[in-house]
Amino acid sequence: MKDNLENIEFCEVISREGKKYTDLRTELQPAFKKVIRDIIKGYAFLILVITACSMSLRFGLLSPFITVPTGAFMVGYCLAYLHLFIHAAAHYDIHANKLKNDRISDYFIGVLFGIPVKNYRKIHWLHHNNLGTRNDSEHSYFNELNLIFLLKCITGIHTFSVIFSRAKTSGQTNTQKSSRNYLLFVAFFHLLLLSILFIAAGWPMLLIWLGGLLVVFPLLATLRQLLEHRDIHASGKINYQDIDHGKVSRLFGKGFIDNSFGAAGFNKHLLHHWDPTISYTRLTEVEDFLMTCPKTANIIRESKTSYLKIFIALFKI
């Protein structure tokens, strides 16, 4: 069995030395300080990119035709990285206090995207419960990876379809007072941010931010999910909203791309879907342990890949 641990019970996993996984998992407490450091690193790089782009535009260091698309890509990449920590918050992986966990997520990460973690948590748990089935709430991997799909992502067509699908799944109208207040806070934050960016470097800087937020970020977020869950044998001729796709999750590498594109433990997605209660800060220890267990060692070994390798394997013209 490759790319799927979910049919294996925790009690079945025992190392060659006789240690049980059920005992190990009780020892794996979240490293909350590491999570905060990882979030700070994302913001530091985002600020560095914005500062560099602003300086380039103000002093003519590079042509705007180079600075704008390059800056938009880098901003979008940073946002895609930070967005993954909403997922960490959905699993109460940012702070030991659940209320503080949600507030940190909402006011330091979710504000960038207008995503309150309580709403996301409800939708995301349906993903865990229904992975690989037609009822999966996060199903970008139902789509074949080809030029047409990439164009849908770039133009926003796919993004709007995802928003509509999630609104339909959650059944929420966002009319509650707390939701309205949060949306007002998000609107104020973005108005203030756009004003600062415009003052710093004019319209080109706004294009960099909006291009990163509205084009590059959705493209990267969608692509990442597809690479994590789409079966390389899946057919573009099959509508997986009618027929179950099947469970697939992968293990990715430890290099810069895999660690940043798949931040917050997403590069160890196979392990996260097997045991969602384990903090991403401890998944390396889970992987190392599973490599010592006859029941799981071959699955771990055979499921390892990289985002680039699986992109090449899945991409169709």
Protein backbone atom coordinates (compact mmCIF):
# COMPACT_ATOMS: atom_id res chain seq x y z
CA MET A 1 0.00 0.00 0.00
CA LYS A 2 1.45 3.35 -1.06
CA ASP A 3 0.42 6.95 -0.22
CA ASN A 4 -2.06 5.87 2.45
CA LEU A 5 -1.67 4.82 6.09
CA GLU A 6 -5.27 5.31 7.10
CA ASN A 7 -6.28 1.65 7.09
CA ILE A 8 -3.63 0.90 9.73
CA GLU A 9 -4.73 1.16 13.36
CA PHE A 10 -2.41 2.87 15.86
CA CYS A 11 -2.33 -0.26 18.02
CA GLU A 12 -0.93 -2.29 15.10
CA VAL A 13 2.19 -0.14 14.83
CA ILE A 14 5.05 -1.47 16.94
CA SER A 15 8.75 -0.82 16.41
CA ARG A 16 11.31 -3.59 16.03
CA GLU A 17 12.41 -2.80 19.59
CA GLY A 18 8.86 -3.40 20.83
CA LYS A 19 7.74 0.19 21.46
CA LYS A 20 4.10 0.89 20.62
CA TYR A 21 2.98 3.93 18.64
CA THR A 22 0.13 4.36 21.13
CA ASP A 23 2.81 5.02 23.78
CA LEU A 24 4.88 7.31 21.57
CA ARG A 25 1.98 9.60 20.64
CA THR A 26 1.34 10.44 24.30
CA GLU A 27 4.90 11.84 24.46
CA LEU A 28 4.60 14.12 21.43
CA GLN A 29 3.44 17.43 22.85
CA PRO A 30 3.31 20.47 20.49
CA ALA A 31 6.33 22.77 20.35
CA PHE A 32 4.33 26.01 20.36
CA LYS A 33 7.42 28.26 20.38
CA LYS A 34 8.55 26.70 17.11
CA VAL A 35 5.15 27.45 15.54
CA ILE A 36 5.43 31.13 16.51
CA ARG A 37 8.99 31.27 15.16
CA ASP A 38 7.81 29.76 11.88
CA ILE A 39 5.04 32.36 11.57
CA ILE A 40 7.50 35.17 12.34
CA LYS A 41 9.84 33.87 9.64
CA GLY A 42 7.01 34.06 7.10
CA TYR A 43 6.20 37.65 8.05
CA ALA A 44 9.87 38.64 8.07
CA PHE A 45 10.34 37.38 4.51
CA LEU A 46 7.08 39.02 3.38
CA ILE A 47 8.20 42.38 4.80
CA LEU A 48 11.61 41.93 3.18
CA VAL A 49 10.01 41.29 -0.22
CA ILE A 50 7.68 44.29 0.08
CA THR A 51 10.56 46.54 1.19
CA ALA A 52 12.79 45.39 -1.68
CA CYS A 53 10.02 45.93 -4.24
CA SER A 54 9.21 49.36 -2.83
CA MET A 55 12.88 50.42 -2.97
CA SER A 56 13.21 49.11 -6.51
CA LEU A 57 10.14 51.04 -7.69
CA ARG A 58 11.00 54.28 -5.88
CA PHE A 59 14.62 54.43 -7.02
CA GLY A 60 14.30 52.73 -10.41
CA LEU A 61 16.65 49.87 -9.51
CA LEU A 62 14.78 47.54 -11.86
CA SER A 63 12.16 48.04 -14.53
CA PRO A 64 8.57 47.86 -13.20
CA PHE A 65 7.99 45.18 -15.84
CA ILE A 66 10.44 43.02 -13.88
CA THR A 67 9.68 44.20 -10.34
CA VAL A 68 5.87 43.86 -10.52
CA PRO A 69 5.55 40.22 -11.71
CA THR A 70 8.55 39.05 -9.67
CA GLY A 71 7.30 40.86 -6.58
CA ALA A 72 3.77 39.54 -7.03
CA PHE A 73 5.06 35.98 -7.22
CA MET A 74 7.19 36.39 -4.10
CA VAL A 75 4.35 38.06 -2.17
CA GLY A 76 1.99 35.27 -3.24
CA TYR A 77 4.51 32.64 -2.17
CA CYS A 78 4.86 34.25 1.27
CA LEU A 79 1.08 34.45 1.63
CA ALA A 80 0.71 30.80 0.63
CA TYR A 81 3.25 29.94 3.35
CA LEU A 82 1.46 31.99 6.03
CA HIS A 83 -1.97 30.68 5.01
CA LEU A 84 -0.93 27.17 6.07
CA PHE A 85 -0.82 28.26 9.70
CA ILE A 86 -4.60 28.72 9.68
CA HIS A 87 -4.62 24.97 9.21
CA ALA A 88 -2.28 24.62 12.19
CA ALA A 89 -4.69 26.75 14.23
CA ALA A 90 -7.62 24.61 13.09
CA HIS A 91 -5.89 21.71 14.85
CA TYR A 92 -5.15 23.90 17.93
CA ASP A 93 -1.47 23.81 17.03
CA ILE A 94 -0.54 27.46 17.67
CA HIS A 95 -1.25 27.95 21.38
CA ALA A 96 -2.16 25.68 24.29
CA ASN A 97 -5.09 27.94 25.16
CA LYS A 98 -7.77 27.33 22.53
CA LEU A 99 -9.20 30.85 22.71
CA LYS A 100 -5.74 32.40 22.28
CA ASN A 101 -5.02 29.89 19.51
CA ASP A 102 -8.02 31.12 17.53
CA ARG A 103 -7.35 34.81 18.21
CA ILE A 104 -3.74 34.55 17.04
CA SER A 105 -4.93 32.86 13.88
CA ASP A 106 -7.75 35.34 13.18
CA TYR A 107 -5.88 38.57 13.88
CA PHE A 108 -2.36 37.72 12.72
CA ILE A 109 -2.95 35.30 9.82
CA GLY A 110 -6.61 34.98 8.87
CA VAL A 111 -6.90 38.76 8.52
CA LEU A 112 -4.75 38.53 5.38
CA PHE A 113 -7.31 36.27 3.72
CA GLY A 114 -10.57 37.04 5.50
CA ILE A 115 -10.70 33.53 6.96
CA PRO A 116 -11.84 33.07 10.59
CA VAL A 117 -10.43 29.80 11.88
CA LYS A 118 -13.73 28.60 13.42
CA ASN A 119 -15.36 28.59 9.99
CA TYR A 120 -12.34 26.94 8.38
CA ARG A 121 -12.16 24.27 11.12
CA LYS A 122 -15.69 23.04 10.37
CA ILE A 123 -14.96 22.71 6.65
CA HIS A 124 -11.51 21.21 7.16
CA TRP A 125 -12.71 18.46 9.46
CA LEU A 126 -15.05 17.31 6.70
CA HIS A 127 -11.91 16.95 4.57
CA HIS A 128 -10.39 14.59 7.12
CA ASN A 129 -13.59 12.58 7.46
CA ASN A 130 -14.24 12.35 3.72
CA LEU A 131 -10.79 12.29 2.11
CA GLY A 132 -10.90 10.56 -1.26
CA THR A 133 -14.68 10.49 -1.47
CA ARG A 134 -17.08 12.60 -3.51
CA ASN A 135 -18.10 14.34 -0.26
CA ASP A 136 -14.64 15.78 0.42
CA SER A 137 -14.94 19.49 1.29
CA GLU A 138 -11.42 20.28 -0.04
CA HIS A 139 -11.42 18.71 -3.46
CA SER A 140 -9.19 20.64 -5.85
CA TYR A 141 -7.46 17.30 -6.47
CA PHE A 142 -10.58 16.13 -8.32
CA ASN A 143 -9.25 18.24 -11.22
CA GLU A 144 -6.68 17.05 -13.71
CA LEU A 145 -3.47 19.07 -13.62
CA ASN A 146 -3.28 20.58 -17.10
CA LEU A 147 -2.96 23.96 -18.81
CA ILE A 148 -6.71 24.62 -18.77
CA PHE A 149 -6.90 24.03 -15.02
CA LEU A 150 -3.88 26.27 -14.39
CA LEU A 151 -5.56 29.02 -16.43
CA LYS A 152 -8.72 28.63 -14.35
CA CYS A 153 -6.60 29.11 -11.22
CA ILE A 154 -4.79 32.15 -12.59
CA THR A 155 -7.98 33.85 -13.79
CA GLY A 156 -9.84 33.22 -10.52
CA ILE A 157 -12.46 30.91 -12.01
CA HIS A 158 -11.41 28.00 -9.82
CA THR A 159 -11.09 30.22 -6.73
CA PHE A 160 -14.69 31.43 -7.05
CA SER A 161 -15.91 27.86 -7.51
CA VAL A 162 -14.09 26.85 -4.29
CA ILE A 163 -15.58 29.79 -2.36
CA PHE A 164 -19.07 28.93 -3.61
CA SER A 165 -18.60 25.25 -2.76
CA ARG A 166 -17.37 26.00 0.76
CA ALA A 167 -20.21 28.43 1.41
CA LYS A 168 -22.64 25.74 0.29
CA THR A 169 -20.91 23.10 2.42
CA SER A 170 -20.82 25.21 5.58
CA GLY A 171 -24.37 26.42 5.12
CA GLN A 172 -23.41 29.66 6.81
CA THR A 173 -24.71 33.08 5.81
CA ASN A 174 -22.12 35.03 7.82
CA THR A 175 -24.88 37.23 9.28
CA GLN A 176 -23.82 36.71 12.89
CA LYS A 177 -22.56 39.81 14.66
CA SER A 178 -19.10 38.29 15.29
CA SER A 179 -18.74 37.43 11.59
CA ARG A 180 -19.79 40.93 10.53
CA ASN A 181 -17.34 42.50 12.98
CA TYR A 182 -14.53 40.31 11.74
CA LEU A 183 -15.24 41.17 8.11
CA LEU A 184 -15.22 44.86 9.03
CA PHE A 185 -11.86 44.40 10.73
CA VAL A 186 -10.50 42.60 7.64
CA ALA A 187 -11.79 45.38 5.37
CA PHE A 188 -10.21 48.08 7.57
CA PHE A 189 -6.91 46.18 7.69
CA HIS A 190 -6.72 45.84 3.91
CA LEU A 191 -7.74 49.46 3.33
CA LEU A 192 -4.97 50.60 5.68
CA LEU A 193 -2.44 48.21 4.12
CA LEU A 194 -3.28 49.27 0.55
CA SER A 195 -2.99 52.93 1.57
CA ILE A 196 0.47 52.35 3.05
CA LEU A 197 1.63 50.43 -0.03
CA PHE A 198 0.33 53.15 -2.35
CA ILE A 199 2.13 55.86 -0.38
CA ALA A 200 5.31 53.77 -0.40
CA ALA A 201 5.52 53.12 -4.15
CA GLY A 202 2.30 54.02 -5.97
CA TRP A 203 0.12 51.89 -8.21
CA PRO A 204 2.83 49.33 -9.11
CA MET A 205 3.09 48.38 -5.44
CA LEU A 206 -0.66 47.83 -5.29
CA LEU A 207 -0.39 45.58 -8.34
CA ILE A 208 2.31 43.57 -6.61
CA TRP A 209 0.18 43.03 -3.50
CA LEU A 210 -3.09 42.35 -5.32
CA GLY A 211 -1.38 40.12 -7.86
CA GLY A 212 0.19 38.11 -5.06
CA LEU A 213 -3.02 37.89 -3.02
CA LEU A 214 -5.58 37.35 -5.78
CA VAL A 215 -3.61 35.45 -8.43
CA VAL A 216 -0.40 33.82 -7.17
CA PHE A 217 -1.59 32.75 -3.71
CA PRO A 218 -4.76 30.95 -4.92
CA LEU A 219 -2.75 29.26 -7.68
CA LEU A 220 -0.11 27.95 -5.28
CA ALA A 221 -2.63 26.90 -2.62
CA THR A 222 -4.69 24.97 -5.15
CA LEU A 223 -1.65 23.39 -6.76
CA ARG A 224 -0.28 22.28 -3.39
CA GLN A 225 -3.48 20.49 -2.42
CA LEU A 226 -3.69 18.78 -5.79
CA LEU A 227 -0.09 17.55 -5.56
CA GLU A 228 -0.72 16.19 -2.06
CA HIS A 229 -3.85 14.18 -2.86
CA ARG A 230 -4.28 13.40 -6.56
CA ASP A 231 -3.57 9.84 -7.63
CA ILE A 232 -1.07 9.66 -10.51
CA HIS A 233 -3.40 7.10 -12.11
CA ALA A 234 -6.49 9.34 -11.83
CA SER A 235 -8.20 10.03 -15.14
CA GLY A 236 -9.16 13.43 -16.45
CA LYS A 237 -12.17 11.77 -18.07
CA ILE A 238 -13.72 10.82 -14.73
CA ASN A 239 -15.83 13.24 -12.69
CA TYR A 240 -14.74 12.57 -9.12
CA GLN A 241 -17.75 14.44 -7.80
CA ASP A 242 -19.73 11.40 -8.95
CA ILE A 243 -17.16 8.63 -8.36
CA ASP A 244 -14.86 8.36 -5.33
CA HIS A 245 -11.26 9.26 -6.12
CA GLY A 246 -9.72 7.20 -3.32
CA LYS A 247 -7.44 8.20 -0.45
CA VAL A 248 -4.00 9.49 -1.40
CA SER A 249 -1.59 11.49 0.77
CA ARG A 250 2.13 11.95 0.25
CA LEU A 251 5.41 12.60 2.02
CA PHE A 252 7.57 15.32 0.51
CA GLY A 253 11.19 16.30 0.96
CA LYS A 254 13.11 18.43 3.43
CA GLY A 255 14.64 20.99 1.06
CA PHE A 256 13.75 24.69 0.94
CA ILE A 257 10.92 24.32 -1.61
CA ASP A 258 9.27 21.35 0.07
CA ASN A 259 9.64 22.92 3.52
CA SER A 260 8.27 26.34 2.49
CA PHE A 261 5.70 25.34 -0.14
CA GLY A 262 4.61 22.58 2.26
CA ALA A 263 5.13 24.53 5.48
CA ALA A 264 3.45 23.81 8.84
CA GLY A 265 3.80 20.06 8.28
CA PHE A 266 2.12 19.91 4.88
CA ASN A 267 5.23 18.28 3.45
CA LYS A 268 4.41 15.36 5.77
CA HIS A 269 0.78 15.17 4.73
CA LEU A 270 0.66 11.38 4.77
CA LEU A 271 1.40 11.40 8.51
CA HIS A 272 -0.98 14.26 9.27
CA HIS A 273 -3.93 12.47 7.70
CA TRP A 274 -3.11 9.28 9.58
CA ASP A 275 -2.95 11.01 12.96
CA PRO A 276 -4.35 14.59 12.80
CA THR A 277 -3.95 15.11 16.54
CA ILE A 278 -0.14 15.24 16.36
CA SER A 279 1.40 18.70 16.06
CA TYR A 280 3.29 19.30 12.84
CA THR A 281 6.27 20.18 15.04
CA ARG A 282 6.54 16.49 16.01
CA LEU A 283 5.86 14.78 12.69
CA THR A 284 9.56 14.17 12.01
CA GLU A 285 9.64 12.01 15.13
CA VAL A 286 6.55 10.14 13.93
CA GLU A 287 8.20 9.53 10.54
CA ASP A 288 11.41 8.28 12.16
CA PHE A 289 9.43 5.94 14.40
CA LEU A 290 7.34 4.53 11.55
CA MET A 291 10.52 3.74 9.65
CA THR A 292 11.41 1.32 12.50
CA CYS A 293 8.06 -0.50 12.31
CA PRO A 294 7.67 -3.50 9.95
CA LYS A 295 4.00 -2.59 9.41
CA THR A 296 4.73 0.89 8.06
CA ALA A 297 8.38 1.19 6.97
CA ASN A 298 7.79 0.26 3.32
CA ILE A 299 4.80 2.58 3.03
CA ILE A 300 6.82 5.51 4.35
CA ARG A 301 9.75 4.69 2.07
CA GLU A 302 7.62 4.28 -1.07
CA SER A 303 5.45 7.35 -0.42
CA LYS A 304 8.35 9.82 -0.37
CA THR A 305 8.56 12.21 -3.29
CA SER A 306 8.96 15.94 -3.93
CA TYR A 307 6.50 18.57 -5.10
CA LEU A 308 8.47 18.95 -8.34
CA LYS A 309 8.55 15.21 -9.06
CA ILE A 310 4.84 14.75 -8.47
CA PHE A 311 4.05 17.87 -10.54
CA ILE A 312 5.91 16.33 -13.48
CA ALA A 313 4.15 12.99 -12.94
CA LEU A 314 0.67 14.55 -12.81
CA PHE A 315 0.93 17.31 -15.42
CA LYS A 316 -0.90 16.78 -18.69
CA ILE A 317 -0.79 19.17 -21.63
